[in-house]
Amino acid sequence: MLILLSCHRTDEKFCSCMKKSKEVNALSEKIWGKDATKQDSVQLKKLISSKSKLCEAYEYINGEELLKLKADCK
């Protein structure tokens, strides 16, 4: 007996993109709060570069689709 299931798989790359975005935001807040070191600024530059690469594929996806992808990451 063959059973076909329609399953929705989580887009792990998108979830990684979201995680990296949160890291960038947290470090940005620290820097804007003036509690940062020079090393934090260097780290932020690296995180932004990494985030750009991870999130590149999602640049032109509309907001509704992005919200669906985000919901699947939880």
N, C-alpha and C. Protein backbone atom coordinates (compact mmCIF):
# COMPACT_ATOMS: atom_id res chain seq x y z
N MET A 1 0.84 -1.17 0.00
CA MET A 1 0.00 0.00 0.00
C MET A 1 0.89 1.24 0.00
N LEU A 2 0.63 2.12 -0.92
CA LEU A 2 1.42 3.34 -1.05
C LEU A 2 0.59 4.52 -0.56
N ILE A 3 1.15 5.23 0.39
CA ILE A 3 0.46 6.40 0.92
C ILE A 3 1.32 7.62 0.60
N LEU A 4 0.72 8.56 -0.06
CA LEU A 4 1.43 9.79 -0.37
C LEU A 4 0.99 10.87 0.61
N LEU A 5 1.96 11.45 1.23
CA LEU A 5 1.66 12.51 2.17
C LEU A 5 2.21 13.83 1.63
N SER A 6 1.43 14.82 1.75
CA SER A 6 1.89 16.15 1.38
C SER A 6 2.45 16.78 2.64
N CYS A 7 3.75 16.86 2.71
CA CYS A 7 4.33 17.44 3.91
C CYS A 7 5.04 18.73 3.56
N HIS A 8 4.99 19.62 4.49
CA HIS A 8 5.64 20.90 4.32
C HIS A 8 6.93 20.86 5.13
N ARG A 9 8.03 21.01 4.45
CA ARG A 9 9.32 20.93 5.12
C ARG A 9 9.82 22.31 5.48
N THR A 10 10.44 22.42 6.62
CA THR A 10 11.02 23.67 7.06
C THR A 10 12.24 23.99 6.19
N ASP A 11 12.33 25.22 5.78
CA ASP A 11 13.46 25.68 4.97
C ASP A 11 14.59 26.06 5.94
N GLU A 12 15.50 25.12 6.16
CA GLU A 12 16.56 25.31 7.15
C GLU A 12 17.48 26.48 6.79
N LYS A 13 17.68 26.71 5.50
CA LYS A 13 18.53 27.83 5.09
C LYS A 13 17.87 29.15 5.49
N PHE A 14 16.55 29.23 5.33
CA PHE A 14 15.85 30.44 5.74
C PHE A 14 15.93 30.61 7.25
N CYS A 15 15.80 29.53 7.99
CA CYS A 15 15.89 29.60 9.45
C CYS A 15 17.28 30.08 9.88
N SER A 16 18.30 29.64 9.16
CA SER A 16 19.66 30.11 9.45
C SER A 16 19.78 31.60 9.14
N CYS A 17 19.14 32.02 8.08
CA CYS A 17 19.11 33.44 7.72
C CYS A 17 18.46 34.25 8.84
N MET A 18 17.35 33.76 9.35
CA MET A 18 16.65 34.47 10.42
C MET A 18 17.51 34.53 11.70
N LYS A 19 18.18 33.44 12.01
CA LYS A 19 19.03 33.39 13.20
C LYS A 19 20.17 34.40 13.07
N LYS A 20 20.78 34.43 11.89
CA LYS A 20 21.89 35.35 11.66
C LYS A 20 21.41 36.79 11.72
N SER A 21 20.20 37.05 11.23
CA SER A 21 19.63 38.40 11.28
C SER A 21 19.44 38.85 12.73
N LYS A 22 19.00 37.93 13.58
CA LYS A 22 18.82 38.25 14.99
C LYS A 22 20.16 38.57 15.65
N GLU A 23 21.20 37.84 15.27
CA GLU A 23 22.53 38.11 15.81
C GLU A 23 23.01 39.50 15.40
N VAL A 24 22.79 39.83 14.13
CA VAL A 24 23.18 41.16 13.63
C VAL A 24 22.42 42.24 14.40
N ASN A 25 21.13 42.06 14.57
CA ASN A 25 20.31 43.05 15.28
C ASN A 25 20.77 43.23 16.73
N ALA A 26 21.05 42.13 17.40
CA ALA A 26 21.47 42.20 18.81
C ALA A 26 22.80 42.94 18.94
N LEU A 27 23.74 42.65 18.07
CA LEU A 27 25.04 43.30 18.15
C LEU A 27 24.93 44.77 17.73
N SER A 28 24.07 45.05 16.77
CA SER A 28 23.83 46.45 16.36
C SER A 28 23.28 47.26 17.52
N GLU A 29 22.34 46.68 18.25
CA GLU A 29 21.77 47.36 19.41
C GLU A 29 22.83 47.64 20.46
N LYS A 30 23.72 46.67 20.66
CA LYS A 30 24.80 46.86 21.63
C LYS A 30 25.70 48.01 21.21
N ILE A 31 26.02 48.05 19.93
CA ILE A 31 26.90 49.11 19.42
C ILE A 31 26.21 50.48 19.52
N TRP A 32 24.94 50.54 19.15
CA TRP A 32 24.21 51.82 19.23
C TRP A 32 24.04 52.24 20.69
N GLY A 33 24.01 51.29 21.59
CA GLY A 33 23.90 51.60 23.01
C GLY A 33 25.23 52.04 23.61
N LYS A 34 26.25 52.07 22.80
CA LYS A 34 27.60 52.53 23.18
C LYS A 34 28.25 51.66 24.25
N ASP A 35 27.83 50.41 24.34
CA ASP A 35 28.45 49.47 25.27
C ASP A 35 29.40 48.53 24.55
N ALA A 36 29.77 48.88 23.33
CA ALA A 36 30.51 47.97 22.48
C ALA A 36 32.01 48.27 22.49
N THR A 37 32.75 47.26 22.07
CA THR A 37 34.19 47.39 21.90
C THR A 37 34.52 47.44 20.41
N LYS A 38 35.77 47.70 20.12
CA LYS A 38 36.21 47.68 18.72
C LYS A 38 35.99 46.28 18.14
N GLN A 39 36.21 45.26 18.94
CA GLN A 39 36.01 43.88 18.49
C GLN A 39 34.55 43.63 18.10
N ASP A 40 33.62 44.26 18.80
CA ASP A 40 32.21 44.13 18.45
C ASP A 40 31.94 44.69 17.06
N SER A 41 32.56 45.80 16.74
CA SER A 41 32.40 46.41 15.41
C SER A 41 32.95 45.50 14.32
N VAL A 42 34.09 44.90 14.59
CA VAL A 42 34.69 43.96 13.63
C VAL A 42 33.78 42.75 13.46
N GLN A 43 33.26 42.25 14.57
CA GLN A 43 32.35 41.10 14.54
C GLN A 43 31.08 41.43 13.77
N LEU A 44 30.56 42.64 13.96
CA LEU A 44 29.34 43.05 13.25
C LEU A 44 29.56 43.02 11.74
N LYS A 45 30.69 43.49 11.31
CA LYS A 45 30.99 43.49 9.87
C LYS A 45 30.99 42.06 9.32
N LYS A 46 31.57 41.13 10.07
CA LYS A 46 31.59 39.72 9.65
C LYS A 46 30.18 39.13 9.64
N LEU A 47 29.39 39.45 10.68
CA LEU A 47 28.03 38.94 10.75
C LEU A 47 27.17 39.45 9.59
N ILE A 48 27.33 40.71 9.25
CA ILE A 48 26.56 41.29 8.15
C ILE A 48 26.91 40.61 6.84
N SER A 49 28.18 40.36 6.63
CA SER A 49 28.61 39.66 5.41
C SER A 49 28.03 38.25 5.36
N SER A 50 28.09 37.55 6.47
CA SER A 50 27.55 36.19 6.55
C SER A 50 26.04 36.19 6.33
N LYS A 51 25.35 37.15 6.94
CA LYS A 51 23.90 37.27 6.78
C LYS A 51 23.53 37.54 5.33
N SER A 52 24.28 38.41 4.69
CA SER A 52 23.99 38.73 3.28
C SER A 52 24.05 37.50 2.40
N LYS A 53 25.05 36.66 2.64
CA LYS A 53 25.19 35.43 1.85
C LYS A 53 24.05 34.45 2.15
N LEU A 54 23.72 34.29 3.43
CA LEU A 54 22.66 33.35 3.82
C LEU A 54 21.29 33.79 3.31
N CYS A 55 21.05 35.08 3.31
CA CYS A 55 19.72 35.61 3.02
C CYS A 55 19.52 36.03 1.56
N GLU A 56 20.55 35.94 0.78
CA GLU A 56 20.50 36.40 -0.61
C GLU A 56 19.34 35.78 -1.40
N ALA A 57 19.09 34.51 -1.22
CA ALA A 57 18.05 33.80 -1.97
C ALA A 57 16.64 34.29 -1.62
N TYR A 58 16.50 35.00 -0.52
CA TYR A 58 15.17 35.41 -0.05
C TYR A 58 14.90 36.90 -0.28
N GLU A 59 15.82 37.54 -0.96
CA GLU A 59 15.78 38.98 -1.16
C GLU A 59 14.51 39.47 -1.87
N TYR A 60 14.02 38.70 -2.82
CA TYR A 60 12.90 39.15 -3.64
C TYR A 60 11.59 38.40 -3.38
N ILE A 61 11.52 37.70 -2.25
CA ILE A 61 10.30 36.99 -1.89
C ILE A 61 9.37 37.97 -1.19
N ASN A 62 8.09 37.90 -1.51
CA ASN A 62 7.15 38.86 -0.92
C ASN A 62 6.93 38.60 0.57
N GLY A 63 6.39 39.60 1.24
CA GLY A 63 6.22 39.56 2.69
C GLY A 63 5.40 38.41 3.20
N GLU A 64 4.32 38.08 2.50
CA GLU A 64 3.44 36.99 2.93
C GLU A 64 4.19 35.65 2.92
N GLU A 65 4.94 35.42 1.87
CA GLU A 65 5.72 34.17 1.79
C GLU A 65 6.79 34.13 2.87
N LEU A 66 7.42 35.27 3.13
CA LEU A 66 8.45 35.32 4.17
C LEU A 66 7.86 35.03 5.55
N LEU A 67 6.66 35.53 5.80
CA LEU A 67 6.01 35.25 7.08
C LEU A 67 5.72 33.76 7.25
N LYS A 68 5.33 33.10 6.16
CA LYS A 68 5.08 31.65 6.21
C LYS A 68 6.38 30.91 6.51
N LEU A 69 7.45 31.30 5.83
CA LEU A 69 8.74 30.66 6.07
C LEU A 69 9.18 30.88 7.51
N LYS A 70 8.99 32.09 8.01
CA LYS A 70 9.38 32.42 9.37
C LYS A 70 8.60 31.59 10.38
N ALA A 71 7.31 31.42 10.15
CA ALA A 71 6.47 30.63 11.05
C ALA A 71 6.95 29.18 11.12
N ASP A 72 7.45 28.65 10.03
CA ASP A 72 7.93 27.27 9.99
C ASP A 72 9.23 27.09 10.80
N CYS A 73 9.92 28.17 11.08
CA CYS A 73 11.21 28.07 11.79
C CYS A 73 11.04 27.90 13.30
N LYS A 74 9.85 28.10 13.81
CA LYS A 74 9.66 28.06 15.26
C LYS A 74 9.58 26.69 15.82
